[in-house]
Amino acid sequence: MKNKMYQKTAKFMSIMVLGFSLVLAGCSARQEKANGESVDGKIQIVTTIAQIAEPISVIGGDKVSVQSLMGPGVDPHLYNATQGDIQKLEGGDVVFYSGLNLEGNMTEIFEQIGKSRPVLAIGEVIPKEQLLTDDAKAVDPHIWFDLDLWKQALDSAVEELKTFSPDNAEYFESNKVKYFEELDALSKESKDKLAQIEKDKRVIVTAHDAFGYFGRMHDMKVVGLQGLSTEDEIGISDIDETIQTLLEYSIPAVFVESSINPNSIKAVIEGAASKGLNVKLGGELFSDAMGKEGTPEGTYIGMYRHNVDTIYKSLTGKGE
């Protein structure tokens, strides 16, 4: 009983602290704008992940200023907002996050911020029948790996921008059309390249189950040691089952992820070797985070193309 009362009290206190922090951050952000420090004529947009921020910066062009809270190597499943993040959110005109429980630790913050400005979970506009779920019926939040689904999500963000700034609606729409044409070209390029992988080698083995939509889009089997969230624990049985899959399909390579500890994948490689199968480390894939700003992988299109090329080279052995 005492433990339950303690948990309720702790939760109440955390909500009170959050609310107080938001008030202080809001006052600070409003003061900055009043002092002209952040007034540059641009719409101030704050996002959680770079997969949203970078495309929106392209579509928004010189009408927007975009900040992403989570940079390279950051795991959104485990992310907790800092006081600085709260100040950035309160200083934004519009806030976009992915949703579908990707940023599960920030739900209460979004609810509070949403009382004073537009806040949109762009992934939650996707029709339920188009979403993947695991055995426990949890929704897979990694929708940016299906280019068609991510276009739907980004389109909802653009519509929000049009509503916020009607005078720039045509500008946003024109930029969106051009950007979506690039995504369509990337889709064809990716499908053509991955179709060259032999049917019995079309298996992607990674640290956690982030590539389900990628696999569905490109007709590839996906095996993740962890579940949809990196909060899930990896057991010996998970490693053993993965090794059996490698043996069954004679898979030549497995992959690490930029935001995930590689030790579990190394254990799989060692386990496969002990059973006579030489499995190499196929390279690093970007899953929950993109690459560094200023690099090709620091863009959504470049990140996606990097993953396609890495998978293609490793599973075909062509290494072009």
C-alpha atoms as a PDB file:
ATOM      1  CA  MET A   1       0.000   0.000   0.000  1.00  0.00           C
ATOM      2  CA  LYS A   2       2.779   2.398   0.980  1.00  0.00           C
ATOM      3  CA  ASN A   3       4.572   1.625  -2.278  1.00  0.00           C
ATOM      4  CA  LYS A   4       1.470   2.458  -4.338  1.00  0.00           C
ATOM      5  CA  MET A   5       0.966   5.691  -2.413  1.00  0.00           C
ATOM      6  CA  TYR A   6       4.618   6.573  -3.007  1.00  0.00           C
ATOM      7  CA  GLN A   7       4.266   5.919  -6.751  1.00  0.00           C
ATOM      8  CA  LYS A   8       1.158   8.115  -6.960  1.00  0.00           C
ATOM      9  CA  THR A   9       2.865  10.879  -4.997  1.00  0.00           C
ATOM     10  CA  ALA A  10       5.986  10.663  -7.173  1.00  0.00           C
ATOM     11  CA  LYS A  11       3.920  10.867 -10.359  1.00  0.00           C
ATOM     12  CA  PHE A  12       1.946  13.824  -9.015  1.00  0.00           C
ATOM     13  CA  MET A  13       5.160  15.630  -8.084  1.00  0.00           C
ATOM     14  CA  SER A  14       6.704  14.972 -11.509  1.00  0.00           C
ATOM     15  CA  ILE A  15       3.629  16.444 -13.199  1.00  0.00           C
ATOM     16  CA  MET A  16       3.765  19.478 -10.907  1.00  0.00           C
ATOM     17  CA  VAL A  17       7.463  19.996 -11.646  1.00  0.00           C
ATOM     18  CA  LEU A  18       6.796  19.618 -15.371  1.00  0.00           C
ATOM     19  CA  GLY A  19       3.980  22.135 -15.245  1.00  0.00           C
ATOM     20  CA  PHE A  20       6.106  24.631 -13.316  1.00  0.00           C
ATOM     21  CA  SER A  21       8.987  24.137 -15.770  1.00  0.00           C
ATOM     22  CA  LEU A  22       6.694  24.774 -18.712  1.00  0.00           C
ATOM     23  CA  VAL A  23       5.419  27.981 -17.150  1.00  0.00           C
ATOM     24  CA  LEU A  24       8.958  29.234 -16.553  1.00  0.00           C
ATOM     25  CA  ALA A  25      10.080  28.175 -20.025  1.00  0.00           C
ATOM     26  CA  GLY A  26       7.053  29.857 -21.583  1.00  0.00           C
ATOM     27  CA  CYS A  27       7.809  33.117 -19.791  1.00  0.00           C
ATOM     28  CA  SER A  28      11.443  32.930 -20.912  1.00  0.00           C
ATOM     29  CA  ALA A  29      10.531  32.168 -24.534  1.00  0.00           C
ATOM     30  CA  ARG A  30       7.962  34.960 -24.681  1.00  0.00           C
ATOM     31  CA  GLN A  31      10.472  37.388 -23.174  1.00  0.00           C
ATOM     32  CA  GLU A  32      13.069  36.440 -25.815  1.00  0.00           C
ATOM     33  CA  LYS A  33      10.591  37.131 -28.596  1.00  0.00           C
ATOM     34  CA  ALA A  34       9.554  40.373 -26.951  1.00  0.00           C
ATOM     35  CA  ASN A  35      13.195  41.403 -26.882  1.00  0.00           C
ATOM     36  CA  GLY A  36      13.515  40.570 -30.558  1.00  0.00           C
ATOM     37  CA  GLU A  37      16.117  37.856 -30.033  1.00  0.00           C
ATOM     38  CA  SER A  38      14.231  35.209 -31.987  1.00  0.00           C
ATOM     39  CA  VAL A  39      12.152  37.359 -34.285  1.00  0.00           C
ATOM     40  CA  ASP A  40      13.502  36.881 -37.816  1.00  0.00           C
ATOM     41  CA  GLY A  41      10.250  36.714 -39.721  1.00  0.00           C
ATOM     42  CA  LYS A  42      10.419  32.929 -39.920  1.00  0.00           C
ATOM     43  CA  ILE A  43       8.065  30.329 -38.473  1.00  0.00           C
ATOM     44  CA  GLN A  44       9.859  28.690 -35.545  1.00  0.00           C
ATOM     45  CA  ILE A  45       9.403  24.907 -35.854  1.00  0.00           C
ATOM     46  CA  VAL A  46      10.582  22.377 -33.262  1.00  0.00           C
ATOM     47  CA  THR A  47      10.614  18.636 -33.968  1.00  0.00           C
ATOM     48  CA  THR A  48      11.711  15.589 -32.023  1.00  0.00           C
ATOM     49  CA  ILE A  49      13.547  13.571 -34.672  1.00  0.00           C
ATOM     50  CA  ALA A  50      15.628  14.694 -37.635  1.00  0.00           C
ATOM     51  CA  GLN A  51      13.548  12.532 -40.016  1.00  0.00           C
ATOM     52  CA  ILE A  52      10.896  15.222 -39.576  1.00  0.00           C
ATOM     53  CA  ALA A  53      13.130  18.256 -39.196  1.00  0.00           C
ATOM     54  CA  GLU A  54      15.226  17.917 -42.330  1.00  0.00           C
ATOM     55  CA  PRO A  55      12.412  17.333 -44.853  1.00  0.00           C
ATOM     56  CA  ILE A  56      10.355  20.136 -43.288  1.00  0.00           C
ATOM     57  CA  SER A  57      13.346  22.485 -43.525  1.00  0.00           C
ATOM     58  CA  VAL A  58      13.520  21.699 -47.251  1.00  0.00           C
ATOM     59  CA  ILE A  59       9.778  22.135 -47.787  1.00  0.00           C
ATOM     60  CA  GLY A  60       9.571  25.198 -45.558  1.00  0.00           C
ATOM     61  CA  GLY A  61      12.552  26.830 -47.229  1.00  0.00           C
ATOM     62  CA  ASP A  62      13.382  30.374 -46.187  1.00  0.00           C
ATOM     63  CA  LYS A  63      10.004  30.774 -44.482  1.00  0.00           C
ATOM     64  CA  VAL A  64      10.894  28.517 -41.561  1.00  0.00           C
ATOM     65  CA  SER A  65      13.561  27.903 -38.944  1.00  0.00           C
ATOM     66  CA  VAL A  66      13.648  24.270 -37.794  1.00  0.00           C
ATOM     67  CA  GLN A  67      15.224  22.721 -34.691  1.00  0.00           C
ATOM     68  CA  SER A  68      15.403  18.995 -33.933  1.00  0.00           C
ATOM     69  CA  LEU A  69      15.676  17.944 -30.283  1.00  0.00           C
ATOM     70  CA  MET A  70      17.296  14.580 -31.061  1.00  0.00           C
ATOM     71  CA  GLY A  71      20.528  14.421 -33.007  1.00  0.00           C
ATOM     72  CA  PRO A  72      22.733  11.639 -34.424  1.00  0.00           C
ATOM     73  CA  GLY A  73      22.996   8.518 -32.301  1.00  0.00           C
ATOM     74  CA  VAL A  74      20.079   9.476 -30.045  1.00  0.00           C
ATOM     75  CA  ASP A  75      17.494   6.796 -29.243  1.00  0.00           C
ATOM     76  CA  PRO A  76      13.977   8.346 -29.197  1.00  0.00           C
ATOM     77  CA  HIS A  77      12.498   5.332 -27.379  1.00  0.00           C
ATOM     78  CA  LEU A  78      14.532   6.145 -24.271  1.00  0.00           C
ATOM     79  CA  TYR A  79      14.795   9.907 -24.636  1.00  0.00           C
ATOM     80  CA  ASN A  80      13.875  12.182 -21.740  1.00  0.00           C
ATOM     81  CA  ALA A  81      13.432  15.894 -22.398  1.00  0.00           C
ATOM     82  CA  THR A  82      15.866  18.288 -20.743  1.00  0.00           C
ATOM     83  CA  GLN A  83      15.037  21.729 -19.393  1.00  0.00           C
ATOM     84  CA  GLY A  84      16.679  23.113 -22.532  1.00  0.00           C
ATOM     85  CA  ASP A  85      14.357  21.005 -24.701  1.00  0.00           C
ATOM     86  CA  ILE A  86      11.322  22.360 -22.881  1.00  0.00           C
ATOM     87  CA  GLN A  87      12.511  25.907 -23.509  1.00  0.00           C
ATOM     88  CA  LYS A  88      12.942  25.124 -27.203  1.00  0.00           C
ATOM     89  CA  LEU A  89       9.455  23.629 -27.376  1.00  0.00           C
ATOM     90  CA  GLU A  90       7.926  26.646 -25.641  1.00  0.00           C
ATOM     91  CA  GLY A  91       9.828  28.955 -27.974  1.00  0.00           C
ATOM     92  CA  GLY A  92       8.458  27.250 -31.082  1.00  0.00           C
ATOM     93  CA  ASP A  93       5.443  28.397 -33.065  1.00  0.00           C
ATOM     94  CA  VAL A  94       4.668  24.859 -34.242  1.00  0.00           C
ATOM     95  CA  VAL A  95       5.785  21.500 -32.811  1.00  0.00           C
ATOM     96  CA  PHE A  96       5.945  18.256 -34.786  1.00  0.00           C
ATOM     97  CA  TYR A  97       6.676  14.827 -33.356  1.00  0.00           C
ATOM     98  CA  SER A  98       6.370  11.361 -34.841  1.00  0.00           C
ATOM     99  CA  GLY A  99       3.971   9.793 -32.325  1.00  0.00           C
ATOM    100  CA  LEU A 100       2.786   6.168 -32.232  1.00  0.00           C
ATOM    101  CA  ASN A 101       4.617   5.958 -28.885  1.00  0.00           C
ATOM    102  CA  LEU A 102       8.045   6.532 -30.451  1.00  0.00           C
ATOM    103  CA  GLU A 103       8.738   9.371 -28.010  1.00  0.00           C
ATOM    104  CA  GLY A 104       6.832   7.702 -25.191  1.00  0.00           C
ATOM    105  CA  ASN A 105       8.634   9.518 -22.375  1.00  0.00           C
ATOM    106  CA  MET A 106       7.529  12.910 -23.692  1.00  0.00           C
ATOM    107  CA  THR A 107       3.758  12.378 -23.976  1.00  0.00           C
ATOM    108  CA  GLU A 108       2.812  14.613 -21.025  1.00  0.00           C
ATOM    109  CA  ILE A 109       5.064  17.388 -22.304  1.00  0.00           C
ATOM    110  CA  PHE A 110       3.342  17.388 -25.700  1.00  0.00           C
ATOM    111  CA  GLU A 111      -0.050  17.510 -23.997  1.00  0.00           C
ATOM    112  CA  GLN A 112       0.998  20.558 -21.990  1.00  0.00           C
ATOM    113  CA  ILE A 113       2.667  22.344 -24.903  1.00  0.00           C
ATOM    114  CA  GLY A 114      -0.367  21.648 -27.093  1.00  0.00           C
ATOM    115  CA  LYS A 115      -2.503  23.883 -24.879  1.00  0.00           C
ATOM    116  CA  SER A 116      -0.743  26.987 -26.167  1.00  0.00           C
ATOM    117  CA  ARG A 117       0.386  26.239 -29.736  1.00  0.00           C
ATOM    118  CA  PRO A 118      -0.081  23.749 -32.611  1.00  0.00           C
ATOM    119  CA  VAL A 119       1.412  20.353 -31.727  1.00  0.00           C
ATOM    120  CA  LEU A 120       1.018  17.495 -34.196  1.00  0.00           C
ATOM    121  CA  ALA A 121       1.983  13.816 -34.057  1.00  0.00           C
ATOM    122  CA  ILE A 122       2.467  13.420 -37.794  1.00  0.00           C
ATOM    123  CA  GLY A 123       2.646   9.620 -37.716  1.00  0.00           C
ATOM    124  CA  GLU A 124      -0.779   9.309 -36.179  1.00  0.00           C
ATOM    125  CA  VAL A 125      -2.521  10.495 -39.359  1.00  0.00           C
ATOM    126  CA  ILE A 126      -1.667   7.160 -41.007  1.00  0.00           C
ATOM    127  CA  PRO A 127      -4.745   4.910 -41.296  1.00  0.00           C
ATOM    128  CA  LYS A 128      -4.539   2.037 -38.803  1.00  0.00           C
ATOM    129  CA  GLU A 129      -4.852  -0.600 -41.503  1.00  0.00           C
ATOM    130  CA  GLN A 130      -1.579   0.612 -43.038  1.00  0.00           C
ATOM    131  CA  LEU A 131       0.374   0.292 -39.786  1.00  0.00           C
ATOM    132  CA  LEU A 132       2.329  -2.760 -38.665  1.00  0.00           C
ATOM    133  CA  THR A 133       1.921  -4.309 -35.208  1.00  0.00           C
ATOM    134  CA  ASP A 134       3.883  -6.899 -33.240  1.00  0.00           C
ATOM    135  CA  ASP A 135       2.562 -10.051 -31.577  1.00  0.00           C
ATOM    136  CA  ALA A 136       1.386  -7.985 -28.598  1.00  0.00           C
ATOM    137  CA  LYS A 137      -0.528  -5.650 -30.966  1.00  0.00           C
ATOM    138  CA  ALA A 138       1.845  -2.752 -30.276  1.00  0.00           C
ATOM    139  CA  VAL A 139       2.094  -0.420 -33.268  1.00  0.00           C
ATOM    140  CA  ASP A 140       5.428  -0.191 -35.066  1.00  0.00           C
ATOM    141  CA  PRO A 141       6.348   3.540 -34.993  1.00  0.00           C
ATOM    142  CA  HIS A 142       9.195   3.386 -37.553  1.00  0.00           C
ATOM    143  CA  ILE A 143       7.013   4.550 -40.428  1.00  0.00           C
ATOM    144  CA  TRP A 144       9.699   6.695 -42.097  1.00  0.00           C
ATOM    145  CA  PHE A 145      11.106   3.510 -43.639  1.00  0.00           C
ATOM    146  CA  ASP A 146       8.061   3.295 -45.907  1.00  0.00           C
ATOM    147  CA  LEU A 147       8.490   6.248 -48.244  1.00  0.00           C
ATOM    148  CA  ASP A 148       4.800   6.319 -49.154  1.00  0.00           C
ATOM    149  CA  LEU A 149       3.701   6.380 -45.510  1.00  0.00           C
ATOM    150  CA  TRP A 150       6.222   9.081 -44.654  1.00  0.00           C
ATOM    151  CA  LYS A 151       4.871  11.208 -47.484  1.00  0.00           C
ATOM    152  CA  GLN A 152       1.454  11.005 -45.819  1.00  0.00           C
ATOM    153  CA  ALA A 153       2.960  12.013 -42.487  1.00  0.00           C
ATOM    154  CA  LEU A 154       4.946  14.911 -43.957  1.00  0.00           C
ATOM    155  CA  ASP A 155       1.891  16.051 -45.901  1.00  0.00           C
ATOM    156  CA  SER A 156      -0.002  16.431 -42.615  1.00  0.00           C
ATOM    157  CA  ALA A 157       2.822  18.633 -41.318  1.00  0.00           C
ATOM    158  CA  VAL A 158       2.672  20.778 -44.451  1.00  0.00           C
ATOM    159  CA  GLU A 159      -1.086  21.187 -44.068  1.00  0.00           C
ATOM    160  CA  GLU A 160      -0.510  22.362 -40.498  1.00  0.00           C
ATOM    161  CA  LEU A 161       1.990  24.927 -41.777  1.00  0.00           C
ATOM    162  CA  LYS A 162      -0.510  26.133 -44.376  1.00  0.00           C
ATOM    163  CA  THR A 163      -3.092  26.625 -41.661  1.00  0.00           C
ATOM    164  CA  PHE A 164      -0.603  28.464 -39.480  1.00  0.00           C
ATOM    165  CA  SER A 165       0.623  30.680 -42.338  1.00  0.00           C
ATOM    166  CA  PRO A 166      -1.989  30.887 -45.127  1.00  0.00           C
ATOM    167  CA  ASP A 167       0.012  33.545 -46.964  1.00  0.00           C
ATOM    168  CA  ASN A 168       2.761  30.975 -47.579  1.00  0.00           C
ATOM    169  CA  ALA A 169       0.478  28.064 -48.462  1.00  0.00           C
ATOM    170  CA  GLU A 170       1.289  28.047 -52.184  1.00  0.00           C
ATOM    171  CA  TYR A 171       5.015  28.264 -51.455  1.00  0.00           C
ATOM    172  CA  PHE A 172       4.858  25.273 -49.094  1.00  0.00           C
ATOM    173  CA  GLU A 173       2.753  23.245 -51.526  1.00  0.00           C
ATOM    174  CA  SER A 174       5.106  23.913 -54.430  1.00  0.00           C
ATOM    175  CA  ASN A 175       8.140  22.878 -52.391  1.00  0.00           C
ATOM    176  CA  LYS A 176       6.346  19.783 -51.121  1.00  0.00           C
ATOM    177  CA  VAL A 177       5.493  18.648 -54.658  1.00  0.00           C
ATOM    178  CA  LYS A 178       9.145  18.982 -55.718  1.00  0.00           C
ATOM    179  CA  TYR A 179      10.382  17.151 -52.640  1.00  0.00           C
ATOM    180  CA  PHE A 180       7.865  14.334 -53.039  1.00  0.00           C
ATOM    181  CA  GLU A 181       9.051  13.881 -56.633  1.00  0.00           C
ATOM    182  CA  GLU A 182      12.521  13.239 -55.198  1.00  0.00           C
ATOM    183  CA  LEU A 183      11.054  10.695 -52.784  1.00  0.00           C
ATOM    184  CA  ASP A 184       9.261   8.931 -55.648  1.00  0.00           C
ATOM    185  CA  ALA A 185      12.534   8.740 -57.580  1.00  0.00           C
ATOM    186  CA  LEU A 186      14.267   7.364 -54.465  1.00  0.00           C
ATOM    187  CA  SER A 187      11.536   4.755 -54.101  1.00  0.00           C
ATOM    188  CA  LYS A 188      12.041   3.469 -57.647  1.00  0.00           C
ATOM    189  CA  GLU A 189      15.828   3.534 -57.298  1.00  0.00           C
ATOM    190  CA  SER A 190      15.668   1.590 -54.031  1.00  0.00           C
ATOM    191  CA  LYS A 191      13.238  -1.037 -55.303  1.00  0.00           C
ATOM    192  CA  ASP A 192      15.279  -1.611 -58.466  1.00  0.00           C
ATOM    193  CA  LYS A 193      18.510  -2.070 -56.500  1.00  0.00           C
ATOM    194  CA  LEU A 194      17.152  -4.301 -53.739  1.00  0.00           C
ATOM    195  CA  ALA A 195      15.300  -6.480 -56.263  1.00  0.00           C
ATOM    196  CA  GLN A 196      18.724  -7.703 -57.391  1.00  0.00           C
ATOM    197  CA  ILE A 197      19.321  -9.519 -54.081  1.00  0.00           C
ATOM    198  CA  GLU A 198      18.761 -13.272 -54.399  1.00  0.00           C
ATOM    199  CA  LYS A 199      15.436 -14.406 -52.987  1.00  0.00           C
ATOM    200  CA  ASP A 200      16.953 -16.666 -50.309  1.00  0.00           C
ATOM    201  CA  LYS A 201      19.271 -13.861 -49.133  1.00  0.00           C
ATOM    202  CA  ARG A 202      16.568 -11.229 -48.688  1.00  0.00           C
ATOM    203  CA  VAL A 203      16.821 -11.126 -44.884  1.00  0.00           C
ATOM    204  CA  ILE A 204      17.808  -8.082 -42.809  1.00  0.00           C
ATOM    205  CA  VAL A 205      19.095  -8.908 -39.321  1.00  0.00           C
ATOM    206  CA  THR A 206      19.520  -5.921 -36.995  1.00  0.00           C
ATOM    207  CA  ALA A 207      19.753  -5.042 -33.302  1.00  0.00           C
ATOM    208  CA  HIS A 208      16.083  -4.084 -32.895  1.00  0.00           C
ATOM    209  CA  ASP A 209      12.932  -4.412 -34.940  1.00  0.00           C
ATOM    210  CA  ALA A 210      13.032  -1.031 -36.696  1.00  0.00           C
ATOM    211  CA  PHE A 211      12.928  -2.132 -40.339  1.00  0.00           C
ATOM    212  CA  GLY A 212       9.502  -3.751 -40.599  1.00  0.00           C
ATOM    213  CA  TYR A 213       8.124  -1.097 -42.956  1.00  0.00           C
ATOM    214  CA  PHE A 214      11.323  -1.192 -44.999  1.00  0.00           C
ATOM    215  CA  GLY A 215      10.972  -4.957 -45.299  1.00  0.00           C
ATOM    216  CA  ARG A 216       7.312  -4.764 -46.291  1.00  0.00           C
ATOM    217  CA  MET A 217       8.036  -2.114 -48.918  1.00  0.00           C
ATOM    218  CA  HIS A 218      10.940  -4.034 -50.445  1.00  0.00           C
ATOM    219  CA  ASP A 219       9.729  -7.607 -49.942  1.00  0.00           C
ATOM    220  CA  MET A 220      12.423  -8.561 -47.440  1.00  0.00           C
ATOM    221  CA  LYS A 221      12.272 -10.588 -44.238  1.00  0.00           C
ATOM    222  CA  VAL A 222      13.342  -8.596 -41.167  1.00  0.00           C
ATOM    223  CA  VAL A 223      14.734 -10.027 -37.918  1.00  0.00           C
ATOM    224  CA  GLY A 224      15.319  -7.742 -34.939  1.00  0.00           C
ATOM    225  CA  LEU A 225      16.944  -8.995 -31.745  1.00  0.00           C
ATOM    226  CA  GLN A 226      14.944  -6.548 -29.654  1.00  0.00           C
ATOM    227  CA  GLY A 227      11.299  -5.726 -30.177  1.00  0.00           C
ATOM    228  CA  LEU A 228       9.864  -2.513 -31.588  1.00  0.00           C
ATOM    229  CA  SER A 229      11.260  -0.516 -28.668  1.00  0.00           C
ATOM    230  CA  THR A 230      14.832  -0.559 -27.409  1.00  0.00           C
ATOM    231  CA  GLU A 231      13.331  -0.776 -23.914  1.00  0.00           C
ATOM    232  CA  ASP A 232      12.703  -4.469 -24.633  1.00  0.00           C
ATOM    233  CA  GLU A 233      15.300  -6.841 -23.205  1.00  0.00           C
ATOM    234  CA  ILE A 234      17.348  -9.233 -25.322  1.00  0.00           C
ATOM    235  CA  GLY A 235      17.388 -12.814 -24.048  1.00  0.00           C
ATOM    236  CA  ILE A 236      19.540 -15.814 -24.895  1.00  0.00           C
ATOM    237  CA  SER A 237      16.563 -17.274 -26.755  1.00  0.00           C
ATOM    238  CA  ASP A 238      16.392 -14.182 -28.992  1.00  0.00           C
ATOM    239  CA  ILE A 239      20.038 -14.608 -29.942  1.00  0.00           C
ATOM    240  CA  ASP A 240      19.645 -18.361 -30.514  1.00  0.00           C
ATOM    241  CA  GLU A 241      16.556 -17.885 -32.698  1.00  0.00           C
ATOM    242  CA  THR A 242      18.380 -15.284 -34.764  1.00  0.00           C
ATOM    243  CA  ILE A 243      21.334 -17.606 -35.247  1.00  0.00           C
ATOM    244  CA  GLN A 244      18.959 -20.348 -36.427  1.00  0.00           C
ATOM    245  CA  THR A 245      17.499 -17.924 -38.985  1.00  0.00           C
ATOM    246  CA  LEU A 246      20.990 -17.128 -40.263  1.00  0.00           C
ATOM    247  CA  LEU A 247      21.751 -20.833 -40.589  1.00  0.00           C
ATOM    248  CA  GLU A 248      18.433 -21.564 -42.288  1.00  0.00           C
ATOM    249  CA  TYR A 249      18.900 -18.911 -44.969  1.00  0.00           C
ATOM    250  CA  SER A 250      22.735 -18.913 -45.048  1.00  0.00           C
ATOM    251  CA  ILE A 251      22.643 -15.146 -44.567  1.00  0.00           C
ATOM    252  CA  PRO A 252      26.071 -13.613 -45.272  1.00  0.00           C
ATOM    253  CA  ALA A 253      25.758 -10.425 -43.197  1.00  0.00           C
ATOM    254  CA  VAL A 254      24.072  -8.754 -40.240  1.00  0.00           C
ATOM    255  CA  PHE A 255      23.884  -5.062 -39.385  1.00  0.00           C
ATOM    256  CA  VAL A 256      24.449  -2.731 -36.453  1.00  0.00           C
ATOM    257  CA  GLU A 257      22.463   0.460 -35.945  1.00  0.00           C
ATOM    258  CA  SER A 258      23.862   3.918 -35.321  1.00  0.00           C
ATOM    259  CA  SER A 259      21.787   4.451 -32.167  1.00  0.00           C
ATOM    260  CA  ILE A 260      21.980   0.923 -30.685  1.00  0.00           C
ATOM    261  CA  ASN A 261      24.711  -0.878 -28.705  1.00  0.00           C
ATOM    262  CA  PRO A 262      26.357  -3.352 -31.142  1.00  0.00           C
ATOM    263  CA  ASN A 263      27.177  -6.034 -28.535  1.00  0.00           C
ATOM    264  CA  SER A 264      24.077  -8.129 -29.232  1.00  0.00           C
ATOM    265  CA  ILE A 265      24.847  -8.310 -32.944  1.00  0.00           C
ATOM    266  CA  LYS A 266      28.438  -9.289 -32.192  1.00  0.00           C
ATOM    267  CA  ALA A 267      27.090 -12.120 -30.018  1.00  0.00           C
ATOM    268  CA  VAL A 268      25.035 -13.328 -32.990  1.00  0.00           C
ATOM    269  CA  ILE A 269      28.085 -13.300 -35.275  1.00  0.00           C
ATOM    270  CA  GLU A 270      30.109 -15.289 -32.726  1.00  0.00           C
ATOM    271  CA  GLY A 271      27.268 -17.741 -32.203  1.00  0.00           C
ATOM    272  CA  ALA A 272      26.869 -18.337 -35.934  1.00  0.00           C
ATOM    273  CA  ALA A 273      30.638 -18.875 -36.269  1.00  0.00           C
ATOM    274  CA  SER A 274      30.522 -21.540 -33.548  1.00  0.00           C
ATOM    275  CA  LYS A 275      28.018 -23.417 -35.706  1.00  0.00           C
ATOM    276  CA  GLY A 276      30.120 -23.173 -38.860  1.00  0.00           C
ATOM    277  CA  LEU A 277      28.519 -20.158 -40.552  1.00  0.00           C
ATOM    278  CA  ASN A 278      30.783 -17.219 -41.341  1.00  0.00           C
ATOM    279  CA  VAL A 279      28.608 -14.139 -40.970  1.00  0.00           C
ATOM    280  CA  LYS A 280      30.202 -10.738 -41.483  1.00  0.00           C
ATOM    281  CA  LEU A 281      29.215  -7.373 -40.099  1.00  0.00           C
ATOM    282  CA  GLY A 282      27.491  -5.817 -43.086  1.00  0.00           C
ATOM    283  CA  GLY A 283      27.864  -2.260 -41.893  1.00  0.00           C
ATOM    284  CA  GLU A 284      26.002   0.385 -39.941  1.00  0.00           C
ATOM    285  CA  LEU A 285      22.385   1.259 -40.698  1.00  0.00           C
ATOM    286  CA  PHE A 286      20.543   4.362 -39.579  1.00  0.00           C
ATOM    287  CA  SER A 287      17.326   3.387 -37.817  1.00  0.00           C
ATOM    288  CA  ASP A 288      15.970   5.696 -35.109  1.00  0.00           C
ATOM    289  CA  ALA A 289      18.442   8.508 -35.834  1.00  0.00           C
ATOM    290  CA  MET A 290      19.994   9.994 -38.965  1.00  0.00           C
ATOM    291  CA  GLY A 291      23.621  10.920 -39.630  1.00  0.00           C
ATOM    292  CA  LYS A 292      25.504  14.075 -38.717  1.00  0.00           C
ATOM    293  CA  GLU A 293      24.307  17.380 -40.093  1.00  0.00           C
ATOM    294  CA  GLY A 294      26.266  18.371 -43.188  1.00  0.00           C
ATOM    295  CA  THR A 295      26.753  14.787 -44.375  1.00  0.00           C
ATOM    296  CA  PRO A 296      24.630  12.947 -46.988  1.00  0.00           C
ATOM    297  CA  GLU A 297      23.343  10.690 -44.176  1.00  0.00           C
ATOM    298  CA  GLY A 298      22.261  13.799 -42.302  1.00  0.00           C
ATOM    299  CA  THR A 299      19.438  14.201 -44.817  1.00  0.00           C
ATOM    300  CA  TYR A 300      16.389  11.949 -44.950  1.00  0.00           C
ATOM    301  CA  ILE A 301      16.997  11.003 -48.587  1.00  0.00           C
ATOM    302  CA  GLY A 302      20.717  10.445 -47.995  1.00  0.00           C
ATOM    303  CA  MET A 303      20.067   8.348 -44.893  1.00  0.00           C
ATOM    304  CA  TYR A 304      17.591   6.149 -46.742  1.00  0.00           C
ATOM    305  CA  ARG A 305      19.915   5.747 -49.733  1.00  0.00           C
ATOM    306  CA  HIS A 306      22.807   4.841 -47.413  1.00  0.00           C
ATOM    307  CA  ASN A 307      20.743   2.048 -45.869  1.00  0.00           C
ATOM    308  CA  VAL A 308      19.709   0.698 -49.265  1.00  0.00           C
ATOM    309  CA  ASP A 309      23.278   0.727 -50.571  1.00  0.00           C
ATOM    310  CA  THR A 310      24.665  -0.886 -47.400  1.00  0.00           C
ATOM    311  CA  ILE A 311      22.092  -3.686 -47.465  1.00  0.00           C
ATOM    312  CA  TYR A 312      22.563  -4.241 -51.197  1.00  0.00           C
ATOM    313  CA  LYS A 313      26.369  -4.457 -51.018  1.00  0.00           C
ATOM    314  CA  SER A 314      26.388  -6.758 -47.987  1.00  0.00           C
ATOM    315  CA  LEU A 315      23.714  -9.214 -49.139  1.00  0.00           C
ATOM    316  CA  THR A 316      24.934  -9.431 -52.749  1.00  0.00           C
ATOM    317  CA  GLY A 317      28.639  -9.382 -51.942  1.00  0.00           C
ATOM    318  CA  LYS A 318      29.211  -6.945 -54.801  1.00  0.00           C
ATOM    319  CA  GLY A 319      30.573  -4.170 -52.612  1.00  0.00           C
ATOM    320  CA  GLU A 320      30.297  -1.608 -55.380  1.00  0.00           C
END
